[in-house]
Amino acid sequence: MAELQGTSRTNFTRDVLTVNVGLRQTLSERAILICSLGHEVRVPNDEQLALIGYFGVQLLY
């Protein structure tokens, strides 16, 4: 799966645009692996681009 996510102030200053790709994989009947990795592609001039990611396991009962 993929995501394009943006945020800004109401006057459209300090806008940030992030591109993410993710994975959702069934491990067993009661566990699902969820992970995502993304990178900011647009940030305000005074900030560095960030690498964003997460990894988790969803447990079903």
PDB file of N, CA and C in Angstrom:
ATOM      1  N   MET A   1       0.834  -1.163   0.000  1.00  0.00           N
ATOM      2  CA  MET A   1       0.000   0.000   0.000  1.00  0.00           C
ATOM      3  C   MET A   1       0.887   1.237   0.000  1.00  0.00           C
ATOM      4  N   ALA A   2       0.349   2.367  -0.421  1.00  0.00           N
ATOM      5  CA  ALA A   2       1.117   3.609  -0.491  1.00  0.00           C
ATOM      6  C   ALA A   2       0.253   4.766  -0.013  1.00  0.00           C
ATOM      7  N   GLU A   3       0.904   5.832   0.429  1.00  0.00           N
ATOM      8  CA  GLU A   3       0.189   6.990   0.956  1.00  0.00           C
ATOM      9  C   GLU A   3       0.966   8.252   0.606  1.00  0.00           C
ATOM     10  N   LEU A   4       0.246   9.283   0.254  1.00  0.00           N
ATOM     11  CA  LEU A   4       0.791  10.614   0.062  1.00  0.00           C
ATOM     12  C   LEU A   4       0.067  11.503   1.057  1.00  0.00           C
ATOM     13  N   GLN A   5       0.796  12.101   2.007  1.00  0.00           N
ATOM     14  CA  GLN A   5       0.170  12.831   3.105  1.00  0.00           C
ATOM     15  C   GLN A   5       0.777  14.221   3.202  1.00  0.00           C
ATOM     16  N   GLY A   6      -0.084  15.224   3.342  1.00  0.00           N
ATOM     17  CA  GLY A   6       0.391  16.593   3.466  1.00  0.00           C
ATOM     18  C   GLY A   6      -0.279  17.318   4.614  1.00  0.00           C
ATOM     19  N   THR A   7       0.444  18.258   5.199  1.00  0.00           N
ATOM     20  CA  THR A   7      -0.094  19.114   6.252  1.00  0.00           C
ATOM     21  C   THR A   7       0.379  20.539   6.013  1.00  0.00           C
ATOM     22  N   SER A   8      -0.416  21.496   6.465  1.00  0.00           N
ATOM     23  CA  SER A   8      -0.017  22.899   6.391  1.00  0.00           C
ATOM     24  C   SER A   8      -0.867  23.697   7.367  1.00  0.00           C
ATOM     25  N   ARG A   9      -0.478  24.933   7.573  1.00  0.00           N
ATOM     26  CA  ARG A   9      -1.300  25.848   8.361  1.00  0.00           C
ATOM     27  C   ARG A   9      -2.463  26.304   7.494  1.00  0.00           C
ATOM     28  N   THR A  10      -3.450  26.952   8.109  1.00  0.00           N
ATOM     29  CA  THR A  10      -4.634  27.362   7.352  1.00  0.00           C
ATOM     30  C   THR A  10      -4.325  28.383   6.264  1.00  0.00           C
ATOM     31  N   ASN A  11      -3.226  29.108   6.380  1.00  0.00           N
ATOM     32  CA  ASN A  11      -2.852  30.062   5.331  1.00  0.00           C
ATOM     33  C   ASN A  11      -1.843  29.447   4.347  1.00  0.00           C
ATOM     34  N   PHE A  12      -1.680  28.114   4.389  1.00  0.00           N
ATOM     35  CA  PHE A  12      -0.828  27.332   3.485  1.00  0.00           C
ATOM     36  C   PHE A  12       0.661  27.669   3.589  1.00  0.00           C
ATOM     37  N   THR A  13       1.089  28.100   4.766  1.00  0.00           N
ATOM     38  CA  THR A  13       2.519  28.265   5.009  1.00  0.00           C
ATOM     39  C   THR A  13       3.020  27.051   5.767  1.00  0.00           C
ATOM     40  N   ARG A  14       4.313  26.834   5.741  1.00  0.00           N
ATOM     41  CA  ARG A  14       4.955  25.725   6.445  1.00  0.00           C
ATOM     42  C   ARG A  14       4.333  24.381   6.059  1.00  0.00           C
ATOM     43  N   ASP A  15       4.132  24.162   4.773  1.00  0.00           N
ATOM     44  CA  ASP A  15       3.542  22.905   4.317  1.00  0.00           C
ATOM     45  C   ASP A  15       4.588  21.796   4.254  1.00  0.00           C
ATOM     46  N   VAL A  16       4.128  20.585   4.546  1.00  0.00           N
ATOM     47  CA  VAL A  16       4.979  19.391   4.555  1.00  0.00           C
ATOM     48  C   VAL A  16       4.279  18.318   3.729  1.00  0.00           C
ATOM     49  N   LEU A  17       5.031  17.644   2.871  1.00  0.00           N
ATOM     50  CA  LEU A  17       4.498  16.561   2.054  1.00  0.00           C
ATOM     51  C   LEU A  17       5.346  15.314   2.283  1.00  0.00           C
ATOM     52  N   THR A  18       4.685  14.200   2.601  1.00  0.00           N
ATOM     53  CA  THR A  18       5.369  12.949   2.915  1.00  0.00           C
ATOM     54  C   THR A  18       4.841  11.828   2.023  1.00  0.00           C
ATOM     55  N   VAL A  19       5.741  10.976   1.536  1.00  0.00           N
ATOM     56  CA  VAL A  19       5.381   9.793   0.751  1.00  0.00           C
ATOM     57  C   VAL A  19       5.728   8.563   1.588  1.00  0.00           C
ATOM     58  N   ASN A  20       4.762   7.660   1.770  1.00  0.00           N
ATOM     59  CA  ASN A  20       4.947   6.436   2.557  1.00  0.00           C
ATOM     60  C   ASN A  20       4.592   5.214   1.722  1.00  0.00           C
ATOM     61  N   VAL A  21       5.286   4.128   1.966  1.00  0.00           N
ATOM     62  CA  VAL A  21       4.898   2.816   1.446  1.00  0.00           C
ATOM     63  C   VAL A  21       4.828   1.867   2.634  1.00  0.00           C
ATOM     64  N   GLY A  22       3.877   0.946   2.585  1.00  0.00           N
ATOM     65  CA  GLY A  22       3.690   0.073   3.728  1.00  0.00           C
ATOM     66  C   GLY A  22       3.394  -1.355   3.334  1.00  0.00           C
ATOM     67  N   LEU A  23       3.381  -2.194   4.345  1.00  0.00           N
ATOM     68  CA  LEU A  23       3.161  -3.624   4.174  1.00  0.00           C
ATOM     69  C   LEU A  23       2.275  -4.112   5.310  1.00  0.00           C
ATOM     70  N   ARG A  24       1.332  -4.962   4.970  1.00  0.00           N
ATOM     71  CA  ARG A  24       0.482  -5.624   5.959  1.00  0.00           C
ATOM     72  C   ARG A  24       0.471  -7.096   5.580  1.00  0.00           C
ATOM     73  N   GLN A  25       1.048  -7.927   6.438  1.00  0.00           N
ATOM     74  CA  GLN A  25       1.222  -9.349   6.128  1.00  0.00           C
ATOM     75  C   GLN A  25       0.673 -10.204   7.266  1.00  0.00           C
ATOM     76  N   THR A  26      -0.192 -11.135   6.954  1.00  0.00           N
ATOM     77  CA  THR A  26      -0.726 -12.048   7.957  1.00  0.00           C
ATOM     78  C   THR A  26       0.355 -13.042   8.361  1.00  0.00           C
ATOM     79  N   LEU A  27       0.651 -13.093   9.654  1.00  0.00           N
ATOM     80  CA  LEU A  27       1.634 -14.035  10.181  1.00  0.00           C
ATOM     81  C   LEU A  27       0.973 -15.325  10.634  1.00  0.00           C
ATOM     82  N   SER A  28      -0.196 -15.183  11.248  1.00  0.00           N
ATOM     83  CA  SER A  28      -0.975 -16.334  11.703  1.00  0.00           C
ATOM     84  C   SER A  28      -2.429 -15.885  11.799  1.00  0.00           C
ATOM     85  N   GLU A  29      -3.280 -16.771  12.289  1.00  0.00           N
ATOM     86  CA  GLU A  29      -4.693 -16.434  12.437  1.00  0.00           C
ATOM     87  C   GLU A  29      -4.897 -15.275  13.411  1.00  0.00           C
ATOM     88  N   ARG A  30      -3.974 -15.085  14.337  1.00  0.00           N
ATOM     89  CA  ARG A  30      -4.128 -14.062  15.375  1.00  0.00           C
ATOM     90  C   ARG A  30      -3.055 -12.977  15.373  1.00  0.00           C
ATOM     91  N   ALA A  31      -2.221 -12.915  14.358  1.00  0.00           N
ATOM     92  CA  ALA A  31      -1.151 -11.909  14.327  1.00  0.00           C
ATOM     93  C   ALA A  31      -0.939 -11.385  12.904  1.00  0.00           C
ATOM     94  N   ILE A  32      -0.823 -10.061  12.787  1.00  0.00           N
ATOM     95  CA  ILE A  32      -0.590  -9.407  11.505  1.00  0.00           C
ATOM     96  C   ILE A  32       0.602  -8.466  11.654  1.00  0.00           C
ATOM     97  N   LEU A  33       1.557  -8.577  10.755  1.00  0.00           N
ATOM     98  CA  LEU A  33       2.710  -7.686  10.717  1.00  0.00           C
ATOM     99  C   LEU A  33       2.315  -6.421   9.962  1.00  0.00           C
ATOM    100  N   ILE A  34       2.623  -5.250  10.544  1.00  0.00           N
ATOM    101  CA  ILE A  34       2.327  -3.966   9.914  1.00  0.00           C
ATOM    102  C   ILE A  34       3.601  -3.132   9.946  1.00  0.00           C
ATOM    103  N   CYS A  35       4.044  -2.629   8.791  1.00  0.00           N
ATOM    104  CA  CYS A  35       5.230  -1.772   8.762  1.00  0.00           C
ATOM    105  C   CYS A  35       5.081  -0.723   7.666  1.00  0.00           C
ATOM    106  N   SER A  36       5.787   0.380   7.844  1.00  0.00           N
ATOM    107  CA  SER A  36       5.729   1.476   6.896  1.00  0.00           C
ATOM    108  C   SER A  36       7.058   2.204   6.886  1.00  0.00           C
ATOM    109  N   LEU A  37       7.421   2.750   5.731  1.00  0.00           N
ATOM    110  CA  LEU A  37       8.628   3.550   5.588  1.00  0.00           C
ATOM    111  C   LEU A  37       8.302   4.694   4.642  1.00  0.00           C
ATOM    112  N   GLY A  38       8.679   5.899   5.040  1.00  0.00           N
ATOM    113  CA  GLY A  38       8.377   7.058   4.218  1.00  0.00           C
ATOM    114  C   GLY A  38       9.456   8.114   4.315  1.00  0.00           C
ATOM    115  N   HIS A  39       9.331   9.120   3.466  1.00  0.00           N
ATOM    116  CA  HIS A  39      10.306  10.203   3.436  1.00  0.00           C
ATOM    117  C   HIS A  39       9.575  11.498   3.097  1.00  0.00           C
ATOM    118  N   GLU A  40       9.929  12.561   3.807  1.00  0.00           N
ATOM    119  CA  GLU A  40       9.376  13.864   3.474  1.00  0.00           C
ATOM    120  C   GLU A  40       9.975  14.322   2.148  1.00  0.00           C
ATOM    121  N   VAL A  41       9.140  14.828   1.262  1.00  0.00           N
ATOM    122  CA  VAL A  41       9.620  15.314  -0.030  1.00  0.00           C
ATOM    123  C   VAL A  41       9.513  16.828  -0.144  1.00  0.00           C
ATOM    124  N   ARG A  42       8.798  17.443   0.790  1.00  0.00           N
ATOM    125  CA  ARG A  42       8.683  18.903   0.805  1.00  0.00           C
ATOM    126  C   ARG A  42       8.535  19.364   2.245  1.00  0.00           C
ATOM    127  N   VAL A  43       9.397  20.281   2.672  1.00  0.00           N
ATOM    128  CA  VAL A  43       9.351  20.860   4.015  1.00  0.00           C
ATOM    129  C   VAL A  43       9.642  22.354   3.900  1.00  0.00           C
ATOM    130  N   PRO A  44       9.340  23.131   4.954  1.00  0.00           N
ATOM    131  CA  PRO A  44       9.727  24.540   4.938  1.00  0.00           C
ATOM    132  C   PRO A  44      11.239  24.688   4.743  1.00  0.00           C
ATOM    133  N   ASN A  45      11.667  25.803   4.206  1.00  0.00           N
ATOM    134  CA  ASN A  45      13.066  26.023   3.822  1.00  0.00           C
ATOM    135  C   ASN A  45      14.072  25.811   4.934  1.00  0.00           C
ATOM    136  N   ASP A  46      13.718  26.079   6.172  1.00  0.00           N
ATOM    137  CA  ASP A  46      14.682  26.019   7.271  1.00  0.00           C
ATOM    138  C   ASP A  46      14.758  24.651   7.950  1.00  0.00           C
ATOM    139  N   GLU A  47      14.095  23.641   7.422  1.00  0.00           N
ATOM    140  CA  GLU A  47      14.079  22.323   8.063  1.00  0.00           C
ATOM    141  C   GLU A  47      14.678  21.259   7.144  1.00  0.00           C
ATOM    142  N   GLN A  48      15.185  20.182   7.754  1.00  0.00           N
ATOM    143  CA  GLN A  48      15.725  19.059   6.991  1.00  0.00           C
ATOM    144  C   GLN A  48      14.620  18.060   6.674  1.00  0.00           C
ATOM    145  N   LEU A  49      14.794  17.329   5.582  1.00  0.00           N
ATOM    146  CA  LEU A  49      13.870  16.253   5.241  1.00  0.00           C
ATOM    147  C   LEU A  49      14.044  15.110   6.235  1.00  0.00           C
ATOM    148  N   ALA A  50      12.942  14.471   6.623  1.00  0.00           N
ATOM    149  CA  ALA A  50      12.993  13.409   7.627  1.00  0.00           C
ATOM    150  C   ALA A  50      12.619  12.063   7.012  1.00  0.00           C
ATOM    151  N   LEU A  51      13.220  11.016   7.530  1.00  0.00           N
ATOM    152  CA  LEU A  51      12.864   9.641   7.210  1.00  0.00           C
ATOM    153  C   LEU A  51      11.942   9.154   8.325  1.00  0.00           C
ATOM    154  N   ILE A  52      10.802   8.572   7.956  1.00  0.00           N
ATOM    155  CA  ILE A  52       9.783   8.187   8.931  1.00  0.00           C
ATOM    156  C   ILE A  52       9.460   6.709   8.735  1.00  0.00           C
ATOM    157  N   GLY A  53       9.349   5.959   9.828  1.00  0.00           N
ATOM    158  CA  GLY A  53       9.002   4.555   9.701  1.00  0.00           C
ATOM    159  C   GLY A  53       8.430   3.986  10.978  1.00  0.00           C
ATOM    160  N   TYR A  54       7.741   2.876  10.837  1.00  0.00           N
ATOM    161  CA  TYR A  54       7.269   2.144  12.011  1.00  0.00           C
ATOM    162  C   TYR A  54       7.150   0.669  11.677  1.00  0.00           C
ATOM    163  N   PHE A  55       7.115  -0.120  12.734  1.00  0.00           N
ATOM    164  CA  PHE A  55       7.042  -1.566  12.633  1.00  0.00           C
ATOM    165  C   PHE A  55       6.196  -2.040  13.798  1.00  0.00           C
ATOM    166  N   GLY A  56       5.232  -2.916  13.553  1.00  0.00           N
ATOM    167  CA  GLY A  56       4.404  -3.400  14.643  1.00  0.00           C
ATOM    168  C   GLY A  56       3.732  -4.716  14.302  1.00  0.00           C
ATOM    169  N   VAL A  57       3.163  -5.323  15.324  1.00  0.00           N
ATOM    170  CA  VAL A  57       2.402  -6.557  15.168  1.00  0.00           C
ATOM    171  C   VAL A  57       1.030  -6.332  15.787  1.00  0.00           C
ATOM    172  N   GLN A  58      -0.015  -6.563  15.011  1.00  0.00           N
ATOM    173  CA  GLN A  58      -1.379  -6.467  15.502  1.00  0.00           C
ATOM    174  C   GLN A  58      -1.798  -7.844  15.994  1.00  0.00           C
ATOM    175  N   LEU A  59      -2.230  -7.909  17.256  1.00  0.00           N
ATOM    176  CA  LEU A  59      -2.688  -9.171  17.842  1.00  0.00           C
ATOM    177  C   LEU A  59      -4.204  -9.176  17.885  1.00  0.00           C
ATOM    178  N   LEU A  60      -4.815 -10.222  17.388  1.00  0.00           N
ATOM    179  CA  LEU A  60      -6.267 -10.358  17.333  1.00  0.00           C
ATOM    180  C   LEU A  60      -6.722 -11.370  18.377  1.00  0.00           C
ATOM    181  N   TYR A  61      -7.787 -11.022  19.092  1.00  0.00           N
ATOM    182  CA  TYR A  61      -8.330 -11.920  20.121  1.00  0.00           C
ATOM    183  C   TYR A  61      -9.743 -12.296  19.801  1.00  0.00           C
TER     184      TYR A  61
END
